[in-house]
Amino acid sequence: MGAFLLILGGLIFVIGGISVGIFATRAAQQAAERAARLPAATAQDVERSAVGAEVLVEGVIDARNPTRVHNFVAYVREEYRGIDTTDNREIWREDERWTPPLLIQVADGVVQIANDAYRIEEPPVQWQESDRLEWNSFSGEGTKRYRGFEEGNTVTALGRVTDELEGRGIEAELMFGGTRDQYLAYQRTTASLTPIAGLISGGIGIAMILGGLWSLFRGG
């Protein structure tokens, strides 16, 4: 039974390695290529753009955005769920996502992020409500931590132009915590590292499969 579980685990590692090494790498490459062909747009650029046009803006979180928790205007919240006894790793689970429409201050004015369903990548601010990690399985409550944006944070938004009541806006796909150049560097670094991670995962998987097969043959 142990040999079969070892082989099954190895197959999972191999499949995971292929997914990371090929698909995740390609996704990062495409993200970098897309951002590279989009210059940082000004507020006037957005106003002059056709509805549906791809656009990238770089600016800072405007002071007029309302805060929700601990100065955050947009965030992802995670809850502590204890320790994974298999590898002594902390377990955190996302339990809330707050991504409202936002105003971004750019060089020549303000750009409106019109939607409320964008991804948050590499958020610049992190805050944990307590230094003490607790999980109460009876009440279902644990220590919370937040990652997101506050007033004045640098942000790069990618999306498509929409027509709003007060002019053009952006239906954002993602909000990245940094400049356009930092986003490009982040994606390019990811694209260069994921093949290595895929090879490592695949190598571990192959070793597990061989170990399982050896156990089967030896037992037979």
N, C-alpha and C. Protein backbone atom coordinates (compact mmCIF):
# COMPACT_ATOMS: atom_id res chain seq x y z
N MET A 1 0.84 -1.21 0.00
CA MET A 1 0.00 0.00 0.00
C MET A 1 0.87 1.26 0.00
N GLY A 2 1.96 1.22 0.80
CA GLY A 2 2.84 2.37 0.87
C GLY A 2 3.50 2.68 -0.45
N ALA A 3 3.85 1.62 -1.21
CA ALA A 3 4.49 1.82 -2.51
C ALA A 3 3.54 2.51 -3.48
N PHE A 4 2.27 2.11 -3.46
CA PHE A 4 1.29 2.73 -4.36
C PHE A 4 1.08 4.20 -4.00
N LEU A 5 1.05 4.50 -2.70
CA LEU A 5 0.90 5.89 -2.28
C LEU A 5 2.11 6.72 -2.70
N LEU A 6 3.29 6.12 -2.62
CA LEU A 6 4.50 6.81 -3.05
C LEU A 6 4.47 7.12 -4.54
N ILE A 7 4.00 6.15 -5.32
CA ILE A 7 3.90 6.36 -6.78
C ILE A 7 2.85 7.43 -7.08
N LEU A 8 1.72 7.37 -6.39
CA LEU A 8 0.68 8.36 -6.60
C LEU A 8 1.17 9.76 -6.24
N GLY A 9 1.86 9.87 -5.11
CA GLY A 9 2.43 11.16 -4.73
C GLY A 9 3.43 11.66 -5.74
N GLY A 10 4.22 10.75 -6.28
CA GLY A 10 5.20 11.12 -7.31
C GLY A 10 4.53 11.64 -8.56
N LEU A 11 3.44 11.00 -8.96
CA LEU A 11 2.71 11.46 -10.14
C LEU A 11 2.17 12.87 -9.93
N ILE A 12 1.70 13.14 -8.72
CA ILE A 12 1.18 14.48 -8.41
C ILE A 12 2.30 15.52 -8.52
N PHE A 13 3.47 15.17 -8.01
CA PHE A 13 4.61 16.09 -8.10
C PHE A 13 5.02 16.32 -9.55
N VAL A 14 5.02 15.26 -10.36
CA VAL A 14 5.40 15.39 -11.77
C VAL A 14 4.40 16.28 -12.51
N ILE A 15 3.11 16.03 -12.29
CA ILE A 15 2.08 16.85 -12.95
C ILE A 15 2.19 18.30 -12.50
N GLY A 16 2.42 18.49 -11.20
CA GLY A 16 2.59 19.85 -10.69
C GLY A 16 3.81 20.52 -11.29
N GLY A 17 4.89 19.78 -11.45
CA GLY A 17 6.10 20.33 -12.06
C GLY A 17 5.89 20.74 -13.49
N ILE A 18 5.15 19.92 -14.22
CA ILE A 18 4.84 20.27 -15.62
C ILE A 18 3.99 21.53 -15.68
N SER A 19 3.00 21.60 -14.80
CA SER A 19 2.11 22.77 -14.79
C SER A 19 2.87 24.05 -14.48
N VAL A 20 3.74 23.98 -13.46
CA VAL A 20 4.53 25.16 -13.08
C VAL A 20 5.54 25.49 -14.17
N GLY A 21 6.26 24.47 -14.63
CA GLY A 21 7.35 24.70 -15.57
C GLY A 21 6.90 25.19 -16.93
N ILE A 22 5.71 24.78 -17.35
CA ILE A 22 5.24 25.17 -18.68
C ILE A 22 4.18 26.27 -18.61
N PHE A 23 3.09 25.98 -17.92
CA PHE A 23 1.95 26.90 -17.96
C PHE A 23 2.19 28.17 -17.14
N ALA A 24 2.74 28.03 -15.93
CA ALA A 24 3.00 29.22 -15.12
C ALA A 24 4.07 30.09 -15.76
N THR A 25 5.07 29.43 -16.36
CA THR A 25 6.13 30.19 -17.04
C THR A 25 5.57 30.97 -18.21
N ARG A 26 4.74 30.31 -19.00
CA ARG A 26 4.15 30.98 -20.16
C ARG A 26 3.23 32.13 -19.74
N ALA A 27 2.48 31.94 -18.66
CA ALA A 27 1.59 33.01 -18.17
C ALA A 27 2.40 34.23 -17.75
N ALA A 28 3.53 34.01 -17.07
CA ALA A 28 4.37 35.13 -16.65
C ALA A 28 5.00 35.82 -17.86
N GLN A 29 5.44 35.05 -18.85
CA GLN A 29 6.01 35.62 -20.06
C GLN A 29 4.99 36.48 -20.80
N GLN A 30 3.77 35.97 -20.91
CA GLN A 30 2.71 36.73 -21.59
C GLN A 30 2.36 38.00 -20.84
N ALA A 31 2.34 37.93 -19.51
CA ALA A 31 2.05 39.12 -18.70
C ALA A 31 3.13 40.18 -18.90
N ALA A 32 4.40 39.75 -18.95
CA ALA A 32 5.49 40.69 -19.16
C ALA A 32 5.43 41.30 -20.56
N GLU A 33 5.15 40.47 -21.57
CA GLU A 33 5.06 40.96 -22.94
C GLU A 33 3.91 41.97 -23.09
N ARG A 34 2.82 41.68 -22.43
CA ARG A 34 1.66 42.59 -22.50
C ARG A 34 1.99 43.93 -21.89
N ALA A 35 2.59 43.93 -20.69
CA ALA A 35 2.92 45.18 -20.03
C ALA A 35 3.99 45.96 -20.79
N ALA A 36 4.90 45.24 -21.42
CA ALA A 36 5.99 45.90 -22.15
C ALA A 36 5.47 46.69 -23.35
N ARG A 37 4.38 46.25 -23.94
CA ARG A 37 3.86 46.97 -25.11
C ARG A 37 2.86 48.06 -24.75
N LEU A 38 2.56 48.18 -23.43
CA LEU A 38 1.62 49.21 -22.98
C LEU A 38 2.38 50.29 -22.22
N PRO A 39 2.52 51.49 -22.77
CA PRO A 39 3.16 52.57 -22.01
C PRO A 39 2.25 53.03 -20.88
N ALA A 40 2.83 53.64 -19.86
CA ALA A 40 2.03 54.17 -18.76
C ALA A 40 1.15 55.31 -19.27
N ALA A 41 -0.15 55.14 -19.15
CA ALA A 41 -1.10 56.12 -19.69
C ALA A 41 -1.37 57.23 -18.68
N THR A 42 -1.61 58.42 -19.18
CA THR A 42 -2.03 59.54 -18.34
C THR A 42 -3.55 59.55 -18.26
N ALA A 43 -4.08 60.47 -17.44
CA ALA A 43 -5.53 60.61 -17.35
C ALA A 43 -6.12 61.03 -18.70
N GLN A 44 -5.42 61.92 -19.41
CA GLN A 44 -5.89 62.34 -20.73
C GLN A 44 -5.84 61.19 -21.72
N ASP A 45 -4.83 60.36 -21.64
CA ASP A 45 -4.76 59.18 -22.52
C ASP A 45 -5.98 58.29 -22.33
N VAL A 46 -6.35 58.08 -21.07
CA VAL A 46 -7.50 57.22 -20.77
C VAL A 46 -8.77 57.85 -21.34
N GLU A 47 -8.93 59.16 -21.16
CA GLU A 47 -10.12 59.85 -21.66
C GLU A 47 -10.24 59.76 -23.18
N ARG A 48 -9.10 59.76 -23.86
CA ARG A 48 -9.10 59.74 -25.32
C ARG A 48 -9.17 58.31 -25.90
N SER A 49 -9.02 57.32 -25.05
CA SER A 49 -8.98 55.93 -25.52
C SER A 49 -10.38 55.42 -25.84
N ALA A 50 -10.44 54.50 -26.78
CA ALA A 50 -11.70 53.86 -27.13
C ALA A 50 -12.12 52.89 -26.04
N VAL A 51 -13.43 52.75 -25.86
CA VAL A 51 -13.94 51.79 -24.89
C VAL A 51 -13.47 50.38 -25.29
N GLY A 52 -12.93 49.66 -24.33
CA GLY A 52 -12.43 48.32 -24.58
C GLY A 52 -10.95 48.24 -24.85
N ALA A 53 -10.31 49.40 -25.03
CA ALA A 53 -8.87 49.40 -25.31
C ALA A 53 -8.09 48.98 -24.06
N GLU A 54 -7.03 48.21 -24.28
CA GLU A 54 -6.15 47.83 -23.18
C GLU A 54 -5.37 49.06 -22.70
N VAL A 55 -5.17 49.13 -21.40
CA VAL A 55 -4.47 50.30 -20.86
C VAL A 55 -3.73 49.91 -19.59
N LEU A 56 -2.64 50.61 -19.34
CA LEU A 56 -1.85 50.45 -18.11
C LEU A 56 -1.64 51.84 -17.52
N VAL A 57 -1.92 51.98 -16.24
CA VAL A 57 -1.67 53.26 -15.57
C VAL A 57 -0.79 53.02 -14.35
N GLU A 58 0.09 53.99 -14.09
CA GLU A 58 0.98 53.94 -12.94
C GLU A 58 0.76 55.22 -12.14
N GLY A 59 0.50 55.08 -10.85
CA GLY A 59 0.26 56.25 -10.02
C GLY A 59 0.30 55.89 -8.56
N VAL A 60 -0.45 56.66 -7.75
CA VAL A 60 -0.53 56.39 -6.31
C VAL A 60 -2.00 56.36 -5.90
N ILE A 61 -2.27 55.66 -4.82
CA ILE A 61 -3.64 55.58 -4.30
C ILE A 61 -4.06 56.96 -3.81
N ASP A 62 -5.14 57.47 -4.37
CA ASP A 62 -5.61 58.82 -4.06
C ASP A 62 -6.14 58.91 -2.62
N ALA A 63 -5.98 60.10 -2.03
CA ALA A 63 -6.38 60.32 -0.63
C ALA A 63 -7.90 60.28 -0.45
N ARG A 64 -8.65 60.42 -1.53
CA ARG A 64 -10.12 60.45 -1.41
C ARG A 64 -10.75 59.07 -1.31
N ASN A 65 -9.97 58.02 -1.49
CA ASN A 65 -10.53 56.67 -1.35
C ASN A 65 -10.85 56.38 0.11
N PRO A 66 -12.05 55.88 0.39
CA PRO A 66 -12.41 55.58 1.79
C PRO A 66 -11.65 54.37 2.31
N THR A 67 -11.26 54.43 3.58
CA THR A 67 -10.59 53.30 4.20
C THR A 67 -11.63 52.36 4.82
N ARG A 68 -11.22 51.11 5.01
CA ARG A 68 -12.14 50.12 5.57
C ARG A 68 -11.61 49.51 6.87
N VAL A 69 -10.39 49.02 6.82
CA VAL A 69 -9.77 48.42 8.00
C VAL A 69 -8.33 48.90 8.09
N HIS A 70 -7.92 49.46 9.23
CA HIS A 70 -6.53 49.82 9.49
C HIS A 70 -5.91 50.58 8.31
N ASN A 71 -6.57 51.58 7.81
CA ASN A 71 -6.10 52.43 6.71
C ASN A 71 -6.09 51.76 5.34
N PHE A 72 -6.54 50.52 5.25
CA PHE A 72 -6.58 49.84 3.95
C PHE A 72 -7.76 50.34 3.13
N VAL A 73 -7.51 50.60 1.85
CA VAL A 73 -8.59 50.94 0.92
C VAL A 73 -8.96 49.74 0.06
N ALA A 74 -8.06 48.77 -0.05
CA ALA A 74 -8.30 47.50 -0.75
C ALA A 74 -7.37 46.48 -0.12
N TYR A 75 -7.86 45.25 0.05
CA TYR A 75 -7.03 44.27 0.74
C TYR A 75 -7.54 42.85 0.51
N VAL A 76 -6.67 41.91 0.84
CA VAL A 76 -7.02 40.50 0.97
C VAL A 76 -6.75 40.11 2.42
N ARG A 77 -7.73 39.49 3.07
CA ARG A 77 -7.57 39.09 4.46
C ARG A 77 -7.42 37.57 4.55
N GLU A 78 -6.48 37.14 5.40
CA GLU A 78 -6.27 35.72 5.64
C GLU A 78 -6.43 35.43 7.12
N GLU A 79 -6.88 34.22 7.41
CA GLU A 79 -7.09 33.80 8.79
C GLU A 79 -6.17 32.63 9.13
N TYR A 80 -5.55 32.71 10.30
CA TYR A 80 -4.68 31.64 10.78
C TYR A 80 -5.51 30.43 11.18
N ARG A 81 -5.10 29.24 10.70
CA ARG A 81 -5.85 28.02 10.98
C ARG A 81 -5.02 26.94 11.68
N GLY A 82 -3.93 27.34 12.28
CA GLY A 82 -3.14 26.36 13.03
C GLY A 82 -1.88 25.95 12.28
N ILE A 83 -1.31 24.81 12.69
CA ILE A 83 -0.06 24.31 12.15
C ILE A 83 -0.31 23.01 11.39
N ASP A 84 0.28 22.91 10.21
CA ASP A 84 0.26 21.66 9.45
C ASP A 84 1.29 20.73 10.07
N THR A 85 0.82 19.65 10.69
CA THR A 85 1.73 18.77 11.44
C THR A 85 2.67 17.99 10.53
N THR A 86 2.38 17.91 9.24
CA THR A 86 3.24 17.14 8.34
C THR A 86 4.57 17.84 8.08
N ASP A 87 4.56 19.18 8.05
CA ASP A 87 5.80 19.91 7.79
C ASP A 87 5.97 21.12 8.71
N ASN A 88 5.17 21.17 9.78
CA ASN A 88 5.26 22.25 10.78
C ASN A 88 5.10 23.64 10.16
N ARG A 89 4.23 23.72 9.18
CA ARG A 89 4.01 24.98 8.46
C ARG A 89 2.72 25.64 8.95
N GLU A 90 2.77 27.00 9.04
CA GLU A 90 1.57 27.74 9.42
C GLU A 90 0.53 27.63 8.31
N ILE A 91 -0.72 27.47 8.69
CA ILE A 91 -1.82 27.39 7.73
C ILE A 91 -2.60 28.70 7.75
N TRP A 92 -2.68 29.36 6.61
CA TRP A 92 -3.46 30.58 6.46
C TRP A 92 -4.45 30.38 5.32
N ARG A 93 -5.69 30.82 5.52
CA ARG A 93 -6.74 30.70 4.51
C ARG A 93 -7.37 32.07 4.25
N GLU A 94 -7.50 32.42 2.98
CA GLU A 94 -8.18 33.67 2.64
C GLU A 94 -9.64 33.58 3.06
N ASP A 95 -10.10 34.59 3.79
CA ASP A 95 -11.50 34.57 4.22
C ASP A 95 -12.25 35.86 3.87
N GLU A 96 -11.55 36.83 3.31
CA GLU A 96 -12.24 38.05 2.86
C GLU A 96 -11.38 38.77 1.82
N ARG A 97 -12.06 39.34 0.83
CA ARG A 97 -11.37 40.11 -0.21
C ARG A 97 -12.17 41.39 -0.43
N TRP A 98 -11.53 42.53 -0.25
CA TRP A 98 -12.18 43.83 -0.40
C TRP A 98 -11.47 44.58 -1.53
N THR A 99 -12.11 44.65 -2.69
CA THR A 99 -11.51 45.29 -3.86
C THR A 99 -12.53 46.25 -4.49
N PRO A 100 -12.76 47.39 -3.86
CA PRO A 100 -13.77 48.33 -4.34
C PRO A 100 -13.24 49.18 -5.49
N PRO A 101 -14.12 49.93 -6.18
CA PRO A 101 -13.64 50.94 -7.13
C PRO A 101 -12.71 51.93 -6.42
N LEU A 102 -11.68 52.37 -7.13
CA LEU A 102 -10.68 53.25 -6.51
C LEU A 102 -10.32 54.41 -7.43
N LEU A 103 -9.75 55.44 -6.85
CA LEU A 103 -9.18 56.56 -7.60
C LEU A 103 -7.66 56.46 -7.52
N ILE A 104 -7.01 56.58 -8.68
CA ILE A 104 -5.56 56.56 -8.75
C ILE A 104 -5.07 57.91 -9.24
N GLN A 105 -4.19 58.52 -8.46
CA GLN A 105 -3.60 59.81 -8.83
C GLN A 105 -2.43 59.56 -9.78
N VAL A 106 -2.54 60.13 -10.98
CA VAL A 106 -1.45 60.05 -11.96
C VAL A 106 -0.90 61.46 -12.19
N ALA A 107 0.07 61.58 -13.09
CA ALA A 107 0.79 62.85 -13.25
C ALA A 107 -0.13 64.02 -13.60
N ASP A 108 -1.15 63.77 -14.42
CA ASP A 108 -1.99 64.87 -14.90
C ASP A 108 -3.42 64.84 -14.39
N GLY A 109 -3.69 64.07 -13.35
CA GLY A 109 -5.05 64.03 -12.83
C GLY A 109 -5.35 62.73 -12.11
N VAL A 110 -6.61 62.32 -12.19
CA VAL A 110 -7.08 61.13 -11.48
C VAL A 110 -7.71 60.16 -12.47
N VAL A 111 -7.41 58.90 -12.30
CA VAL A 111 -8.02 57.84 -13.11
C VAL A 111 -8.89 56.98 -12.20
N GLN A 112 -10.08 56.65 -12.67
CA GLN A 112 -11.01 55.86 -11.88
C GLN A 112 -10.91 54.38 -12.23
N ILE A 113 -10.69 53.55 -11.21
CA ILE A 113 -10.85 52.11 -11.35
C ILE A 113 -12.32 51.83 -11.06
N ALA A 114 -13.05 51.39 -12.10
CA ALA A 114 -14.51 51.38 -12.01
C ALA A 114 -15.09 50.09 -11.43
N ASN A 115 -14.36 49.01 -11.49
CA ASN A 115 -14.94 47.72 -11.07
C ASN A 115 -14.49 47.31 -9.68
N ASP A 116 -15.04 46.21 -9.21
CA ASP A 116 -14.72 45.74 -7.85
C ASP A 116 -14.34 44.26 -7.85
N ALA A 117 -13.69 43.81 -8.91
CA ALA A 117 -13.33 42.39 -9.01
C ALA A 117 -11.95 42.22 -9.63
N TYR A 118 -10.99 42.97 -9.15
CA TYR A 118 -9.63 42.87 -9.68
C TYR A 118 -8.75 42.04 -8.74
N ARG A 119 -7.66 41.54 -9.30
CA ARG A 119 -6.67 40.82 -8.49
C ARG A 119 -5.72 41.81 -7.83
N ILE A 120 -5.22 41.44 -6.68
CA ILE A 120 -4.19 42.21 -5.98
C ILE A 120 -2.90 41.40 -6.04
N GLU A 121 -1.85 41.98 -6.62
CA GLU A 121 -0.57 41.28 -6.73
C GLU A 121 0.53 42.09 -6.04
N GLU A 122 1.34 41.41 -5.26
CA GLU A 122 2.45 42.03 -4.54
C GLU A 122 2.03 43.30 -3.80
N PRO A 123 1.02 43.21 -2.94
CA PRO A 123 0.57 44.40 -2.21
C PRO A 123 1.68 44.97 -1.33
N PRO A 124 1.77 46.30 -1.23
CA PRO A 124 2.90 46.92 -0.52
C PRO A 124 2.77 46.94 0.99
N VAL A 125 1.56 46.76 1.52
CA VAL A 125 1.35 46.89 2.97
C VAL A 125 0.80 45.59 3.54
N GLN A 126 1.39 45.16 4.66
CA GLN A 126 0.90 44.00 5.38
C GLN A 126 0.69 44.37 6.84
N TRP A 127 -0.37 43.85 7.42
CA TRP A 127 -0.67 44.13 8.82
C TRP A 127 -1.35 42.93 9.44
N GLN A 128 -0.91 42.55 10.63
CA GLN A 128 -1.50 41.43 11.36
C GLN A 128 -2.10 41.97 12.64
N GLU A 129 -3.32 41.57 12.95
CA GLU A 129 -4.04 42.17 14.07
C GLU A 129 -3.43 41.84 15.43
N SER A 130 -2.63 40.79 15.51
CA SER A 130 -1.99 40.42 16.77
C SER A 130 -0.71 39.64 16.47
N ASP A 131 0.30 39.84 17.33
CA ASP A 131 1.54 39.07 17.19
C ASP A 131 1.34 37.62 17.62
N ARG A 132 0.29 37.39 18.37
CA ARG A 132 0.00 36.05 18.88
C ARG A 132 -0.90 35.31 17.90
N LEU A 133 -0.44 34.17 17.41
CA LEU A 133 -1.22 33.38 16.47
C LEU A 133 -2.13 32.44 17.23
N GLU A 134 -3.45 32.57 16.98
CA GLU A 134 -4.43 31.75 17.68
C GLU A 134 -5.46 31.21 16.70
N TRP A 135 -5.92 29.99 16.95
CA TRP A 135 -7.02 29.40 16.18
C TRP A 135 -7.92 28.65 17.14
N ASN A 136 -9.18 29.06 17.20
CA ASN A 136 -10.19 28.43 18.06
C ASN A 136 -11.11 27.60 17.16
N SER A 137 -10.92 26.30 17.20
CA SER A 137 -11.71 25.42 16.32
C SER A 137 -13.18 25.38 16.71
N PHE A 138 -13.50 25.73 17.97
CA PHE A 138 -14.89 25.70 18.41
C PHE A 138 -15.66 26.91 17.87
N SER A 139 -15.04 28.08 17.96
CA SER A 139 -15.71 29.29 17.46
C SER A 139 -15.45 29.53 15.98
N GLY A 140 -14.43 28.84 15.44
CA GLY A 140 -14.07 29.05 14.04
C GLY A 140 -13.42 30.39 13.79
N GLU A 141 -12.72 30.91 14.80
CA GLU A 141 -12.07 32.21 14.69
C GLU A 141 -10.57 32.07 14.89
N GLY A 142 -9.81 32.81 14.08
CA GLY A 142 -8.36 32.80 14.22
C GLY A 142 -7.79 34.19 14.00
N THR A 143 -6.50 34.32 14.25
CA THR A 143 -5.81 35.59 14.02
C THR A 143 -5.91 35.98 12.54
N LYS A 144 -6.15 37.26 12.30
CA LYS A 144 -6.30 37.76 10.93
C LYS A 144 -5.06 38.57 10.51
N ARG A 145 -4.72 38.46 9.23
CA ARG A 145 -3.69 39.33 8.67
C ARG A 145 -4.20 39.88 7.34
N TYR A 146 -3.73 41.08 7.02
CA TYR A 146 -4.21 41.81 5.84
C TYR A 146 -3.03 42.17 4.93
N ARG A 147 -3.27 42.12 3.63
CA ARG A 147 -2.30 42.56 2.63
C ARG A 147 -3.04 43.41 1.61
N GLY A 148 -2.56 44.63 1.40
CA GLY A 148 -3.28 45.46 0.46
C GLY A 148 -2.67 46.83 0.25
N PHE A 149 -3.54 47.81 -0.04
CA PHE A 149 -3.12 49.17 -0.40
C PHE A 149 -3.67 50.19 0.58
N GLU A 150 -2.84 51.21 0.85
CA GLU A 150 -3.24 52.36 1.64
C GLU A 150 -3.02 53.63 0.82
N GLU A 151 -3.56 54.72 1.31
CA GLU A 151 -3.36 56.02 0.66
C GLU A 151 -1.88 56.29 0.42
N GLY A 152 -1.56 56.74 -0.79
CA GLY A 152 -0.19 57.10 -1.13
C GLY A 152 0.67 55.98 -1.66
N ASN A 153 0.19 54.74 -1.60
CA ASN A 153 0.97 53.62 -2.13
C ASN A 153 1.09 53.71 -3.65
N THR A 154 2.25 53.37 -4.16
CA THR A 154 2.44 53.28 -5.61
C THR A 154 1.71 52.06 -6.13
N VAL A 155 1.06 52.21 -7.28
CA VAL A 155 0.26 51.12 -7.85
C VAL A 155 0.32 51.17 -9.37
N THR A 156 0.31 50.00 -9.97
CA THR A 156 0.18 49.87 -11.41
C THR A 156 -1.07 49.05 -11.69
N ALA A 157 -1.95 49.59 -12.50
CA ALA A 157 -3.21 48.91 -12.82
C ALA A 157 -3.24 48.56 -14.30
N LEU A 158 -3.69 47.35 -14.60
CA LEU A 158 -3.88 46.92 -15.98
C LEU A 158 -5.33 46.54 -16.19
N GLY A 159 -5.87 46.94 -17.32
CA GLY A 159 -7.25 46.60 -17.61
C GLY A 159 -7.70 47.17 -18.94
N ARG A 160 -9.00 47.41 -19.05
CA ARG A 160 -9.57 47.94 -20.28
C ARG A 160 -10.44 49.17 -19.98
N VAL A 161 -10.48 50.06 -20.94
CA VAL A 161 -11.20 51.32 -20.78
C VAL A 161 -12.70 51.07 -20.80
N THR A 162 -13.41 51.72 -19.88
CA THR A 162 -14.86 51.65 -19.84
C THR A 162 -15.44 53.06 -19.89
N ASP A 163 -16.72 53.14 -20.21
CA ASP A 163 -17.41 54.43 -20.27
C ASP A 163 -18.24 54.58 -19.02
N GLU A 164 -17.86 55.53 -18.16
CA GLU A 164 -18.56 55.76 -16.90
C GLU A 164 -19.35 57.07 -16.97
N LEU A 165 -20.15 57.34 -15.92
CA LEU A 165 -20.98 58.54 -15.90
C LEU A 165 -20.15 59.82 -15.96
N GLU A 166 -18.97 59.80 -15.33
CA GLU A 166 -18.14 61.00 -15.27
C GLU A 166 -16.97 60.94 -16.25
N GLY A 167 -17.09 60.12 -17.27
CA GLY A 167 -16.03 60.00 -18.26
C GLY A 167 -15.48 58.59 -18.32
N ARG A 168 -14.31 58.47 -18.89
CA ARG A 168 -13.70 57.16 -19.04
C ARG A 168 -13.16 56.65 -17.71
N GLY A 169 -13.22 55.34 -17.54
CA GLY A 169 -12.64 54.68 -16.39
C GLY A 169 -11.92 53.43 -16.85
N ILE A 170 -11.48 52.63 -15.90
CA ILE A 170 -10.77 51.40 -16.22
C ILE A 170 -11.42 50.23 -15.48
N GLU A 171 -11.72 49.19 -16.23
CA GLU A 171 -12.12 47.92 -15.62
C GLU A 171 -10.83 47.14 -15.41
N ALA A 172 -10.32 47.17 -14.20
CA ALA A 172 -9.00 46.62 -13.92
C ALA A 172 -9.05 45.10 -13.79
N GLU A 173 -8.02 44.47 -14.31
CA GLU A 173 -7.83 43.04 -14.09
C GLU A 173 -6.96 42.80 -12.87
N LEU A 174 -5.98 43.69 -12.68
CA LEU A 174 -5.10 43.53 -11.53
C LEU A 174 -4.58 44.88 -11.07
N MET A 175 -4.21 44.92 -9.80
CA MET A 175 -3.57 46.08 -9.18
C MET A 175 -2.27 45.57 -8.57
N PHE A 176 -1.16 46.07 -9.08
CA PHE A 176 0.15 45.62 -8.64
C PHE A 176 0.79 46.67 -7.73
N GLY A 177 1.39 46.22 -6.64
CA GLY A 177 2.00 47.14 -5.69
C GLY A 177 3.39 47.56 -6.11
N GLY A 178 3.47 48.52 -7.02
CA GLY A 178 4.77 49.01 -7.50
C GLY A 178 4.61 49.72 -8.83
N THR A 179 5.73 50.07 -9.42
CA THR A 179 5.73 50.79 -10.69
C THR A 179 5.60 49.81 -11.86
N ARG A 180 5.43 50.38 -13.05
CA ARG A 180 5.38 49.55 -14.26
C ARG A 180 6.67 48.77 -14.42
N ASP A 181 7.82 49.43 -14.22
CA ASP A 181 9.11 48.76 -14.36
C ASP A 181 9.25 47.62 -13.35
N GLN A 182 8.76 47.84 -12.14
CA GLN A 182 8.82 46.79 -11.12
C GLN A 182 7.91 45.62 -11.49
N TYR A 183 6.77 45.92 -12.08
CA TYR A 183 5.87 44.84 -12.52
C TYR A 183 6.52 44.01 -13.61
N LEU A 184 7.17 44.68 -14.58
CA LEU A 184 7.87 43.97 -15.64
C LEU A 184 8.97 43.07 -15.05
N ALA A 185 9.75 43.63 -14.12
CA ALA A 185 10.82 42.85 -13.50
C ALA A 185 10.27 41.66 -12.73
N TYR A 186 9.16 41.87 -12.04
CA TYR A 186 8.53 40.79 -11.27
C TYR A 186 8.10 39.65 -12.18
N GLN A 187 7.45 39.97 -13.28
CA GLN A 187 6.97 38.93 -14.19
C GLN A 187 8.14 38.23 -14.89
N ARG A 188 9.15 38.97 -15.27
CA ARG A 188 10.30 38.36 -15.92
C ARG A 188 11.07 37.46 -14.97
N THR A 189 11.17 37.89 -13.72
CA THR A 189 11.83 37.04 -12.73
C THR A 189 11.02 35.76 -12.50
N THR A 190 9.72 35.91 -12.42
CA THR A 190 8.85 34.74 -12.25
C THR A 190 9.02 33.77 -13.42
N ALA A 191 9.07 34.32 -14.64
CA ALA A 191 9.23 33.47 -15.82
C ALA A 191 10.56 32.74 -15.83
N SER A 192 11.59 33.33 -15.22
CA SER A 192 12.90 32.68 -15.20
C SER A 192 13.02 31.65 -14.09
N LEU A 193 12.24 31.80 -13.02
CA LEU A 193 12.36 30.90 -11.86
C LEU A 193 11.40 29.72 -11.92
N THR A 194 10.24 29.89 -12.55
CA THR A 194 9.26 28.80 -12.56
C THR A 194 9.74 27.54 -13.28
N PRO A 195 10.55 27.64 -14.35
CA PRO A 195 11.06 26.38 -14.93
C PRO A 195 11.93 25.60 -13.95
N ILE A 196 12.72 26.33 -13.13
CA ILE A 196 13.56 25.66 -12.13
C ILE A 196 12.68 24.97 -11.08
N ALA A 197 11.65 25.70 -10.63
CA ALA A 197 10.73 25.10 -9.65
C ALA A 197 10.03 23.88 -10.25
N GLY A 198 9.68 23.96 -11.53
CA GLY A 198 9.04 22.83 -12.19
C GLY A 198 9.97 21.63 -12.28
N LEU A 199 11.23 21.87 -12.60
CA LEU A 199 12.20 20.77 -12.67
C LEU A 199 12.42 20.12 -11.31
N ILE A 200 12.49 20.95 -10.27
CA ILE A 200 12.67 20.41 -8.92
C ILE A 200 11.48 19.53 -8.53
N SER A 201 10.27 20.05 -8.78
CA SER A 201 9.07 19.29 -8.45
C SER A 201 9.02 18.00 -9.26
N GLY A 202 9.33 18.09 -10.56
CA GLY A 202 9.33 16.89 -11.39
C GLY A 202 10.38 15.88 -10.95
N GLY A 203 11.57 16.38 -10.57
CA GLY A 203 12.62 15.49 -10.10
C GLY A 203 12.24 14.76 -8.83
N ILE A 204 11.61 15.48 -7.90
CA ILE A 204 11.13 14.84 -6.67
C ILE A 204 10.09 13.78 -7.01
N GLY A 205 9.19 14.12 -7.94
CA GLY A 205 8.15 13.17 -8.33
C GLY A 205 8.72 11.91 -8.95
N ILE A 206 9.70 12.06 -9.83
CA ILE A 206 10.32 10.90 -10.47
C ILE A 206 11.02 10.03 -9.42
N ALA A 207 11.71 10.67 -8.49
CA ALA A 207 12.38 9.92 -7.42
C ALA A 207 11.37 9.13 -6.59
N MET A 208 10.23 9.75 -6.31
CA MET A 208 9.20 9.05 -5.54
C MET A 208 8.63 7.87 -6.31
N ILE A 209 8.40 8.07 -7.61
CA ILE A 209 7.88 6.98 -8.44
C ILE A 209 8.87 5.81 -8.49
N LEU A 210 10.14 6.13 -8.70
CA LEU A 210 11.16 5.08 -8.75
C LEU A 210 11.26 4.35 -7.41
N GLY A 211 11.16 5.13 -6.33
CA GLY A 211 11.18 4.50 -5.02
C GLY A 211 10.01 3.57 -4.81
N GLY A 212 8.84 4.00 -5.27
CA GLY A 212 7.65 3.15 -5.15
C GLY A 212 7.76 1.90 -5.99
N LEU A 213 8.26 2.04 -7.22
CA LEU A 213 8.43 0.86 -8.09
C LEU A 213 9.46 -0.09 -7.50
N TRP A 214 10.54 0.45 -6.95
CA TRP A 214 11.55 -0.40 -6.33
C TRP A 214 10.96 -1.20 -5.17
N SER A 215 10.11 -0.54 -4.39
CA SER A 215 9.47 -1.23 -3.27
C SER A 215 8.56 -2.34 -3.76
N LEU A 216 7.85 -2.09 -4.85
CA LEU A 216 6.96 -3.11 -5.41
C LEU A 216 7.75 -4.32 -5.91
N PHE A 217 8.80 -4.06 -6.67
CA PHE A 217 9.59 -5.16 -7.22
C PHE A 217 10.30 -5.94 -6.11
N ARG A 218 10.79 -5.22 -5.12
CA ARG A 218 11.49 -5.87 -4.03
C ARG A 218 10.52 -6.73 -3.21
N GLY A 219 9.31 -6.19 -3.05
CA GLY A 219 8.31 -6.95 -2.30
C GLY A 219 7.85 -8.19 -3.07
N GLY A 220 7.85 -8.02 -4.43
CA GLY A 220 7.43 -9.17 -5.24
C GLY A 220 8.49 -10.23 -5.30
